[in-house]
Amino acid sequence: LIFQKFSISAGTIIDDRWILSAAHCVQKARNIHADIGQWNRLQSDNGEFRVKASSWTVHPNAGQTNGISNDLVLIKVPSLQKNKPSICQAEL
């Protein structure tokens, strides 16, 4: 995930429109971009592309118990379906 031009976190594609990541990484974010298919941050990878998040939802109890409990955010992105052959989706 990209926030203010810096890589801030990794995520897992759980659906063609949703990415699961860590809530603490997006606490101050106003815009989030996701580099899909990125393996090496220092160069472009074959099949890599960037999408802008349309919205994100932090778990309502994120960090309440011990600072890291429920540290989850769901990030909504445009459909990844057209690029799906070049990426791997987590099996649930």
PDB file of N, CA and C in Angstrom:
ATOM      1  N   LEU A   1       0.838  -1.171   0.000  1.00  0.00           N
ATOM      2  CA  LEU A   1       0.000   0.000   0.000  1.00  0.00           C
ATOM      3  C   LEU A   1       0.881   1.231   0.000  1.00  0.00           C
ATOM      4  N   ILE A   2       0.437   2.246  -0.679  1.00  0.00           N
ATOM      5  CA  ILE A   2       1.194   3.476  -0.821  1.00  0.00           C
ATOM      6  C   ILE A   2       0.417   4.610  -0.161  1.00  0.00           C
ATOM      7  N   PHE A   3       1.095   5.373   0.689  1.00  0.00           N
ATOM      8  CA  PHE A   3       0.508   6.535   1.350  1.00  0.00           C
ATOM      9  C   PHE A   3       1.549   7.633   1.310  1.00  0.00           C
ATOM     10  N   GLN A   4       1.215   8.785   0.728  1.00  0.00           N
ATOM     11  CA  GLN A   4       2.124   9.908   0.568  1.00  0.00           C
ATOM     12  C   GLN A   4       3.446   9.487  -0.090  1.00  0.00           C
ATOM     13  N   LYS A   5       3.367   8.715  -1.151  1.00  0.00           N
ATOM     14  CA  LYS A   5       4.493   8.281  -1.991  1.00  0.00           C
ATOM     15  C   LYS A   5       5.410   7.256  -1.339  1.00  0.00           C
ATOM     16  N   PHE A   6       5.075   6.742  -0.160  1.00  0.00           N
ATOM     17  CA  PHE A   6       5.906   5.752   0.510  1.00  0.00           C
ATOM     18  C   PHE A   6       5.144   4.450   0.684  1.00  0.00           C
ATOM     19  N   SER A   7       5.847   3.333   0.526  1.00  0.00           N
ATOM     20  CA  SER A   7       5.252   2.031   0.827  1.00  0.00           C
ATOM     21  C   SER A   7       5.070   1.952   2.328  1.00  0.00           C
ATOM     22  N   ILE A   8       3.863   1.614   2.746  1.00  0.00           N
ATOM     23  CA  ILE A   8       3.607   1.603   4.180  1.00  0.00           C
ATOM     24  C   ILE A   8       3.200   0.240   4.715  1.00  0.00           C
ATOM     25  N   SER A   9       2.726  -0.634   3.864  1.00  0.00           N
ATOM     26  CA  SER A   9       2.207  -1.897   4.369  1.00  0.00           C
ATOM     27  C   SER A   9       1.996  -2.875   3.228  1.00  0.00           C
ATOM     28  N   ALA A  10       1.822  -4.105   3.596  1.00  0.00           N
ATOM     29  CA  ALA A  10       1.425  -5.133   2.627  1.00  0.00           C
ATOM     30  C   ALA A  10      -0.050  -5.417   2.840  1.00  0.00           C
ATOM     31  N   GLY A  11      -0.624  -6.127   1.917  1.00  0.00           N
ATOM     32  CA  GLY A  11      -2.029  -6.489   2.045  1.00  0.00           C
ATOM     33  C   GLY A  11      -2.291  -7.799   1.347  1.00  0.00           C
ATOM     34  N   THR A  12      -3.489  -8.323   1.561  1.00  0.00           N
ATOM     35  CA  THR A  12      -3.910  -9.570   0.937  1.00  0.00           C
ATOM     36  C   THR A  12      -5.186  -9.317   0.142  1.00  0.00           C
ATOM     37  N   ILE A  13      -5.179  -9.700  -1.119  1.00  0.00           N
ATOM     38  CA  ILE A  13      -6.373  -9.566  -1.946  1.00  0.00           C
ATOM     39  C   ILE A  13      -7.339 -10.666  -1.522  1.00  0.00           C
ATOM     40  N   ILE A  14      -8.526 -10.270  -1.054  1.00  0.00           N
ATOM     41  CA  ILE A  14      -9.500 -11.260  -0.603  1.00  0.00           C
ATOM     42  C   ILE A  14     -10.698 -11.357  -1.538  1.00  0.00           C
ATOM     43  N   ASP A  15     -10.796 -10.443  -2.488  1.00  0.00           N
ATOM     44  CA  ASP A  15     -11.880 -10.418  -3.461  1.00  0.00           C
ATOM     45  C   ASP A  15     -11.421  -9.510  -4.593  1.00  0.00           C
ATOM     46  N   ASP A  16     -12.128  -9.489  -5.706  1.00  0.00           N
ATOM     47  CA  ASP A  16     -11.656  -8.652  -6.809  1.00  0.00           C
ATOM     48  C   ASP A  16     -11.820  -7.160  -6.532  1.00  0.00           C
ATOM     49  N   ARG A  17     -12.441  -6.784  -5.424  1.00  0.00           N
ATOM     50  CA  ARG A  17     -12.579  -5.372  -5.061  1.00  0.00           C
ATOM     51  C   ARG A  17     -12.088  -5.047  -3.650  1.00  0.00           C
ATOM     52  N   TRP A  18     -11.546  -6.033  -2.935  1.00  0.00           N
ATOM     53  CA  TRP A  18     -11.181  -5.794  -1.539  1.00  0.00           C
ATOM     54  C   TRP A  18      -9.786  -6.299  -1.196  1.00  0.00           C
ATOM     55  N   ILE A  19      -9.073  -5.492  -0.410  1.00  0.00           N
ATOM     56  CA  ILE A  19      -7.749  -5.837   0.107  1.00  0.00           C
ATOM     57  C   ILE A  19      -7.808  -5.738   1.632  1.00  0.00           C
ATOM     58  N   LEU A  20      -7.246  -6.719   2.308  1.00  0.00           N
ATOM     59  CA  LEU A  20      -7.166  -6.722   3.766  1.00  0.00           C
ATOM     60  C   LEU A  20      -5.756  -6.313   4.170  1.00  0.00           C
ATOM     61  N   SER A  21      -5.656  -5.378   5.117  1.00  0.00           N
ATOM     62  CA  SER A  21      -4.345  -4.921   5.563  1.00  0.00           C
ATOM     63  C   SER A  21      -4.411  -4.547   7.046  1.00  0.00           C
ATOM     64  N   ALA A  22      -3.336  -3.911   7.534  1.00  0.00           N
ATOM     65  CA  ALA A  22      -3.244  -3.510   8.936  1.00  0.00           C
ATOM     66  C   ALA A  22      -3.787  -2.095   9.122  1.00  0.00           C
ATOM     67  N   ALA A  23      -4.696  -1.944  10.082  1.00  0.00           N
ATOM     68  CA  ALA A  23      -5.342  -0.646  10.323  1.00  0.00           C
ATOM     69  C   ALA A  23      -4.349   0.433  10.739  1.00  0.00           C
ATOM     70  N   HIS A  24      -3.343   0.082  11.535  1.00  0.00           N
ATOM     71  CA  HIS A  24      -2.412   1.105  12.005  1.00  0.00           C
ATOM     72  C   HIS A  24      -1.640   1.762  10.864  1.00  0.00           C
ATOM     73  N   CYS A  25      -1.594   1.107   9.729  1.00  0.00           N
ATOM     74  CA  CYS A  25      -0.861   1.657   8.584  1.00  0.00           C
ATOM     75  C   CYS A  25      -1.639   2.740   7.833  1.00  0.00           C
ATOM     76  N   VAL A  26      -2.933   2.840   8.082  1.00  0.00           N
ATOM     77  CA  VAL A  26      -3.744   3.820   7.357  1.00  0.00           C
ATOM     78  C   VAL A  26      -4.394   4.851   8.284  1.00  0.00           C
ATOM     79  N   GLN A  27      -3.938   4.928   9.520  1.00  0.00           N
ATOM     80  CA  GLN A  27      -4.553   5.820  10.508  1.00  0.00           C
ATOM     81  C   GLN A  27      -4.675   7.262  10.034  1.00  0.00           C
ATOM     82  N   LYS A  28      -3.652   7.788   9.393  1.00  0.00           N
ATOM     83  CA  LYS A  28      -3.642   9.190   8.996  1.00  0.00           C
ATOM     84  C   LYS A  28      -3.822   9.372   7.488  1.00  0.00           C
ATOM     85  N   ALA A  29      -4.186   8.323   6.810  1.00  0.00           N
ATOM     86  CA  ALA A  29      -4.276   8.378   5.347  1.00  0.00           C
ATOM     87  C   ALA A  29      -5.484   9.184   4.870  1.00  0.00           C
ATOM     88  N   ARG A  30      -5.255   9.962   3.822  1.00  0.00           N
ATOM     89  CA  ARG A  30      -6.346  10.641   3.119  1.00  0.00           C
ATOM     90  C   ARG A  30      -6.568   9.994   1.757  1.00  0.00           C
ATOM     91  N   ASN A  31      -5.508   9.421   1.216  1.00  0.00           N
ATOM     92  CA  ASN A  31      -5.562   8.683  -0.046  1.00  0.00           C
ATOM     93  C   ASN A  31      -4.709   7.437   0.107  1.00  0.00           C
ATOM     94  N   ILE A  32      -5.173   6.352  -0.471  1.00  0.00           N
ATOM     95  CA  ILE A  32      -4.405   5.109  -0.443  1.00  0.00           C
ATOM     96  C   ILE A  32      -4.356   4.557  -1.862  1.00  0.00           C
ATOM     97  N   HIS A  33      -3.155   4.159  -2.273  1.00  0.00           N
ATOM     98  CA  HIS A  33      -2.968   3.464  -3.541  1.00  0.00           C
ATOM     99  C   HIS A  33      -2.391   2.085  -3.223  1.00  0.00           C
ATOM    100  N   ALA A  34      -2.733   1.122  -4.042  1.00  0.00           N
ATOM    101  CA  ALA A  34      -2.193  -0.226  -3.863  1.00  0.00           C
ATOM    102  C   ALA A  34      -1.453  -0.635  -5.131  1.00  0.00           C
ATOM    103  N   ASP A  35      -0.216  -1.073  -4.959  1.00  0.00           N
ATOM    104  CA  ASP A  35       0.543  -1.645  -6.066  1.00  0.00           C
ATOM    105  C   ASP A  35       0.249  -3.137  -6.072  1.00  0.00           C
ATOM    106  N   ILE A  36      -0.468  -3.585  -7.063  1.00  0.00           N
ATOM    107  CA  ILE A  36      -0.888  -4.981  -7.161  1.00  0.00           C
ATOM    108  C   ILE A  36       0.170  -5.762  -7.937  1.00  0.00           C
ATOM    109  N   GLY A  37       0.543  -6.908  -7.389  1.00  0.00           N
ATOM    110  CA  GLY A  37       1.536  -7.744  -8.053  1.00  0.00           C
ATOM    111  C   GLY A  37       2.968  -7.301  -7.829  1.00  0.00           C
ATOM    112  N   GLN A  38       3.200  -6.442  -6.860  1.00  0.00           N
ATOM    113  CA  GLN A  38       4.548  -5.940  -6.593  1.00  0.00           C
ATOM    114  C   GLN A  38       5.345  -6.947  -5.759  1.00  0.00           C
ATOM    115  N   TRP A  39       6.468  -7.344  -6.282  1.00  0.00           N
ATOM    116  CA  TRP A  39       7.365  -8.265  -5.566  1.00  0.00           C
ATOM    117  C   TRP A  39       8.640  -7.573  -5.134  1.00  0.00           C
ATOM    118  N   ASN A  40       9.090  -6.610  -5.931  1.00  0.00           N
ATOM    119  CA  ASN A  40      10.336  -5.904  -5.666  1.00  0.00           C
ATOM    120  C   ASN A  40      10.044  -4.415  -5.700  1.00  0.00           C
ATOM    121  N   ARG A  41      10.136  -3.755  -4.557  1.00  0.00           N
ATOM    122  CA  ARG A  41       9.813  -2.322  -4.483  1.00  0.00           C
ATOM    123  C   ARG A  41      10.784  -1.451  -5.261  1.00  0.00           C
ATOM    124  N   LEU A  42      11.955  -1.974  -5.598  1.00  0.00           N
ATOM    125  CA  LEU A  42      12.978  -1.172  -6.256  1.00  0.00           C
ATOM    126  C   LEU A  42      12.857  -1.152  -7.777  1.00  0.00           C
ATOM    127  N   GLN A  43      11.971  -1.980  -8.317  1.00  0.00           N
ATOM    128  CA  GLN A  43      11.788  -1.998  -9.772  1.00  0.00           C
ATOM    129  C   GLN A  43      10.368  -2.436 -10.101  1.00  0.00           C
ATOM    130  N   SER A  44       9.953  -2.163 -11.327  1.00  0.00           N
ATOM    131  CA  SER A  44       8.633  -2.613 -11.777  1.00  0.00           C
ATOM    132  C   SER A  44       8.680  -4.098 -12.053  1.00  0.00           C
ATOM    133  N   ASP A  45       7.664  -4.799 -11.600  1.00  0.00           N
ATOM    134  CA  ASP A  45       7.575  -6.237 -11.833  1.00  0.00           C
ATOM    135  C   ASP A  45       6.602  -6.513 -12.969  1.00  0.00           C
ATOM    136  N   ASN A  46       6.799  -7.611 -13.647  1.00  0.00           N
ATOM    137  CA  ASN A  46       5.924  -8.009 -14.741  1.00  0.00           C
ATOM    138  C   ASN A  46       4.496  -8.163 -14.221  1.00  0.00           C
ATOM    139  N   GLY A  47       3.557  -7.457 -14.831  1.00  0.00           N
ATOM    140  CA  GLY A  47       2.158  -7.545 -14.433  1.00  0.00           C
ATOM    141  C   GLY A  47       1.761  -6.620 -13.294  1.00  0.00           C
ATOM    142  N   GLU A  48       2.689  -5.864 -12.742  1.00  0.00           N
ATOM    143  CA  GLU A  48       2.389  -4.958 -11.636  1.00  0.00           C
ATOM    144  C   GLU A  48       1.572  -3.761 -12.130  1.00  0.00           C
ATOM    145  N   PHE A  49       0.610  -3.327 -11.317  1.00  0.00           N
ATOM    146  CA  PHE A  49      -0.153  -2.134 -11.651  1.00  0.00           C
ATOM    147  C   PHE A  49      -0.635  -1.475 -10.353  1.00  0.00           C
ATOM    148  N   ARG A  50      -1.020  -0.221 -10.445  1.00  0.00           N
ATOM    149  CA  ARG A  50      -1.440   0.556  -9.275  1.00  0.00           C
ATOM    150  C   ARG A  50      -2.912   0.925  -9.383  1.00  0.00           C
ATOM    151  N   VAL A  51      -3.621   0.835  -8.257  1.00  0.00           N
ATOM    152  CA  VAL A  51      -5.017   1.260  -8.190  1.00  0.00           C
ATOM    153  C   VAL A  51      -5.189   2.198  -6.996  1.00  0.00           C
ATOM    154  N   LYS A  52      -6.169   3.075  -7.097  1.00  0.00           N
ATOM    155  CA  LYS A  52      -6.483   3.991  -5.999  1.00  0.00           C
ATOM    156  C   LYS A  52      -7.682   3.447  -5.240  1.00  0.00           C
ATOM    157  N   ALA A  53      -7.580   3.435  -3.929  1.00  0.00           N
ATOM    158  CA  ALA A  53      -8.691   2.982  -3.091  1.00  0.00           C
ATOM    159  C   ALA A  53      -9.844   3.980  -3.179  1.00  0.00           C
ATOM    160  N   SER A  54     -11.057   3.459  -3.274  1.00  0.00           N
ATOM    161  CA  SER A  54     -12.230   4.332  -3.271  1.00  0.00           C
ATOM    162  C   SER A  54     -12.722   4.582  -1.852  1.00  0.00           C
ATOM    163  N   SER A  55     -12.437   3.637  -0.960  1.00  0.00           N
ATOM    164  CA  SER A  55     -12.803   3.797   0.452  1.00  0.00           C
ATOM    165  C   SER A  55     -12.076   2.747   1.271  1.00  0.00           C
ATOM    166  N   TRP A  56     -12.121   2.886   2.582  1.00  0.00           N
ATOM    167  CA  TRP A  56     -11.560   1.872   3.467  1.00  0.00           C
ATOM    168  C   TRP A  56     -12.311   1.927   4.788  1.00  0.00           C
ATOM    169  N   THR A  57     -12.374   0.775   5.439  1.00  0.00           N
ATOM    170  CA  THR A  57     -13.098   0.645   6.694  1.00  0.00           C
ATOM    171  C   THR A  57     -12.198  -0.027   7.720  1.00  0.00           C
ATOM    172  N   VAL A  58     -11.895   0.692   8.771  1.00  0.00           N
ATOM    173  CA  VAL A  58     -11.078   0.168   9.862  1.00  0.00           C
ATOM    174  C   VAL A  58     -11.991  -0.599  10.815  1.00  0.00           C
ATOM    175  N   HIS A  59     -11.506  -1.724  11.327  1.00  0.00           N
ATOM    176  CA  HIS A  59     -12.272  -2.508  12.300  1.00  0.00           C
ATOM    177  C   HIS A  59     -12.684  -1.583  13.447  1.00  0.00           C
ATOM    178  N   PRO A  60     -13.954  -1.628  13.875  1.00  0.00           N
ATOM    179  CA  PRO A  60     -14.425  -0.700  14.908  1.00  0.00           C
ATOM    180  C   PRO A  60     -13.715  -0.844  16.257  1.00  0.00           C
ATOM    181  N   ASN A  61     -13.096  -1.992  16.528  1.00  0.00           N
ATOM    182  CA  ASN A  61     -12.383  -2.190  17.795  1.00  0.00           C
ATOM    183  C   ASN A  61     -10.871  -2.238  17.611  1.00  0.00           C
ATOM    184  N   ALA A  62     -10.378  -1.688  16.528  1.00  0.00           N
ATOM    185  CA  ALA A  62      -8.941  -1.742  16.245  1.00  0.00           C
ATOM    186  C   ALA A  62      -8.136  -1.100  17.364  1.00  0.00           C
ATOM    187  N   GLY A  63      -7.189  -1.865  17.908  1.00  0.00           N
ATOM    188  CA  GLY A  63      -6.254  -1.363  18.894  1.00  0.00           C
ATOM    189  C   GLY A  63      -6.793  -1.104  20.287  1.00  0.00           C
ATOM    190  N   GLN A  64      -8.033  -1.437  20.555  1.00  0.00           N
ATOM    191  CA  GLN A  64      -8.620  -1.081  21.853  1.00  0.00           C
ATOM    192  C   GLN A  64      -8.072  -1.889  23.027  1.00  0.00           C
ATOM    193  N   THR A  65      -7.766  -3.162  22.823  1.00  0.00           N
ATOM    194  CA  THR A  65      -7.361  -3.994  23.947  1.00  0.00           C
ATOM    195  C   THR A  65      -5.892  -3.847  24.295  1.00  0.00           C
ATOM    196  N   ASN A  66      -5.015  -4.095  23.324  1.00  0.00           N
ATOM    197  CA  ASN A  66      -3.576  -4.066  23.620  1.00  0.00           C
ATOM    198  C   ASN A  66      -2.782  -3.264  22.595  1.00  0.00           C
ATOM    199  N   GLY A  67      -3.445  -2.432  21.843  1.00  0.00           N
ATOM    200  CA  GLY A  67      -2.770  -1.610  20.847  1.00  0.00           C
ATOM    201  C   GLY A  67      -2.698  -2.238  19.467  1.00  0.00           C
ATOM    202  N   ILE A  68      -2.784  -3.569  19.411  1.00  0.00           N
ATOM    203  CA  ILE A  68      -2.726  -4.223  18.106  1.00  0.00           C
ATOM    204  C   ILE A  68      -3.884  -5.177  17.854  1.00  0.00           C
ATOM    205  N   SER A  69      -4.751  -5.351  18.824  1.00  0.00           N
ATOM    206  CA  SER A  69      -5.882  -6.258  18.608  1.00  0.00           C
ATOM    207  C   SER A  69      -6.811  -5.693  17.531  1.00  0.00           C
ATOM    208  N   ASN A  70      -7.376  -6.575  16.742  1.00  0.00           N
ATOM    209  CA  ASN A  70      -8.294  -6.186  15.657  1.00  0.00           C
ATOM    210  C   ASN A  70      -7.677  -5.155  14.708  1.00  0.00           C
ATOM    211  N   ASP A  71      -6.388  -5.267  14.480  1.00  0.00           N
ATOM    212  CA  ASP A  71      -5.647  -4.318  13.641  1.00  0.00           C
ATOM    213  C   ASP A  71      -5.922  -4.614  12.168  1.00  0.00           C
ATOM    214  N   LEU A  72      -7.157  -4.371  11.745  1.00  0.00           N
ATOM    215  CA  LEU A  72      -7.598  -4.739  10.407  1.00  0.00           C
ATOM    216  C   LEU A  72      -8.245  -3.559   9.696  1.00  0.00           C
ATOM    217  N   VAL A  73      -7.998  -3.480   8.404  1.00  0.00           N
ATOM    218  CA  VAL A  73      -8.670  -2.515   7.556  1.00  0.00           C
ATOM    219  C   VAL A  73      -9.044  -3.217   6.259  1.00  0.00           C
ATOM    220  N   LEU A  74     -10.253  -2.981   5.793  1.00  0.00           N
ATOM    221  CA  LEU A  74     -10.691  -3.450   4.478  1.00  0.00           C
ATOM    222  C   LEU A  74     -10.616  -2.268   3.528  1.00  0.00           C
ATOM    223  N   ILE A  75      -9.920  -2.456   2.421  1.00  0.00           N
ATOM    224  CA  ILE A  75      -9.696  -1.387   1.454  1.00  0.00           C
ATOM    225  C   ILE A  75     -10.421  -1.746   0.165  1.00  0.00           C
ATOM    226  N   LYS A  76     -11.326  -0.861  -0.253  1.00  0.00           N
ATOM    227  CA  LYS A  76     -12.087  -1.098  -1.489  1.00  0.00           C
ATOM    228  C   LYS A  76     -11.362  -0.445  -2.660  1.00  0.00           C
ATOM    229  N   VAL A  77     -11.166  -1.221  -3.713  1.00  0.00           N
ATOM    230  CA  VAL A  77     -10.476  -0.751  -4.916  1.00  0.00           C
ATOM    231  C   VAL A  77     -11.340  -1.048  -6.135  1.00  0.00           C
ATOM    232  N   PRO A  78     -11.046  -0.435  -7.284  1.00  0.00           N
ATOM    233  CA  PRO A  78     -11.761  -0.810  -8.507  1.00  0.00           C
ATOM    234  C   PRO A  78     -11.542  -2.297  -8.782  1.00  0.00           C
ATOM    235  N   SER A  79     -12.437  -2.886  -9.521  1.00  0.00           N
ATOM    236  CA  SER A  79     -12.342  -4.322  -9.803  1.00  0.00           C
ATOM    237  C   SER A  79     -10.971  -4.708 -10.349  1.00  0.00           C
ATOM    238  N   LEU A  80     -10.414  -5.753  -9.777  1.00  0.00           N
ATOM    239  CA  LEU A  80      -9.129  -6.285 -10.233  1.00  0.00           C
ATOM    240  C   LEU A  80      -9.332  -7.426 -11.231  1.00  0.00           C
ATOM    241  N   GLN A  81     -10.572  -7.710 -11.567  1.00  0.00           N
ATOM    242  CA  GLN A  81     -10.923  -8.864 -12.396  1.00  0.00           C
ATOM    243  C   GLN A  81     -10.188  -8.885 -13.731  1.00  0.00           C
ATOM    244  N   LYS A  82     -10.063  -7.745 -14.406  1.00  0.00           N
ATOM    245  CA  LYS A  82      -9.436  -7.746 -15.731  1.00  0.00           C
ATOM    246  C   LYS A  82      -7.948  -8.066 -15.665  1.00  0.00           C
ATOM    247  N   ASN A  83      -7.326  -7.853 -14.520  1.00  0.00           N
ATOM    248  CA  ASN A  83      -5.902  -8.136 -14.357  1.00  0.00           C
ATOM    249  C   ASN A  83      -5.644  -9.410 -13.575  1.00  0.00           C
ATOM    250  N   LYS A  84      -6.693 -10.131 -13.218  1.00  0.00           N
ATOM    251  CA  LYS A  84      -6.588 -11.284 -12.341  1.00  0.00           C
ATOM    252  C   LYS A  84      -5.568 -12.336 -12.778  1.00  0.00           C
ATOM    253  N   PRO A  85      -5.397 -12.652 -14.052  1.00  0.00           N
ATOM    254  CA  PRO A  85      -4.418 -13.689 -14.414  1.00  0.00           C
ATOM    255  C   PRO A  85      -2.997 -13.400 -13.980  1.00  0.00           C
ATOM    256  N   SER A  86      -2.639 -12.118 -13.788  1.00  0.00           N
ATOM    257  CA  SER A  86      -1.265 -11.797 -13.423  1.00  0.00           C
ATOM    258  C   SER A  86      -1.065 -11.639 -11.910  1.00  0.00           C
ATOM    259  N   ILE A  87      -2.113 -11.874 -11.123  1.00  0.00           N
ATOM    260  CA  ILE A  87      -2.005 -11.764  -9.677  1.00  0.00           C
ATOM    261  C   ILE A  87      -2.574 -13.005  -9.006  1.00  0.00           C
ATOM    262  N   CYS A  88      -2.275 -13.178  -7.740  1.00  0.00           N
ATOM    263  CA  CYS A  88      -2.788 -14.319  -6.992  1.00  0.00           C
ATOM    264  C   CYS A  88      -3.746 -13.814  -5.921  1.00  0.00           C
ATOM    265  N   GLN A  89      -4.899 -14.419  -5.826  1.00  0.00           N
ATOM    266  CA  GLN A  89      -5.877 -14.068  -4.802  1.00  0.00           C
ATOM    267  C   GLN A  89      -5.846 -15.102  -3.706  1.00  0.00           C
ATOM    268  N   ALA A  90      -5.928 -14.653  -2.472  1.00  0.00           N
ATOM    269  CA  ALA A  90      -5.926 -15.580  -1.335  1.00  0.00           C
ATOM    270  C   ALA A  90      -7.176 -16.464  -1.384  1.00  0.00           C
ATOM    271  N   GLU A  91      -7.005 -17.740  -1.123  1.00  0.00           N
ATOM    272  CA  GLU A  91      -8.138 -18.655  -1.039  1.00  0.00           C
ATOM    273  C   GLU A  91      -8.685 -18.597   0.378  1.00  0.00           C
ATOM    274  N   LEU A  92      -9.980 -18.379   0.507  1.00  0.00           N
ATOM    275  CA  LEU A  92     -10.596 -18.317   1.837  1.00  0.00           C
ATOM    276  C   LEU A  92     -11.376 -19.580   2.118  1.00  0.00           C
TER     277      LEU A  92
END
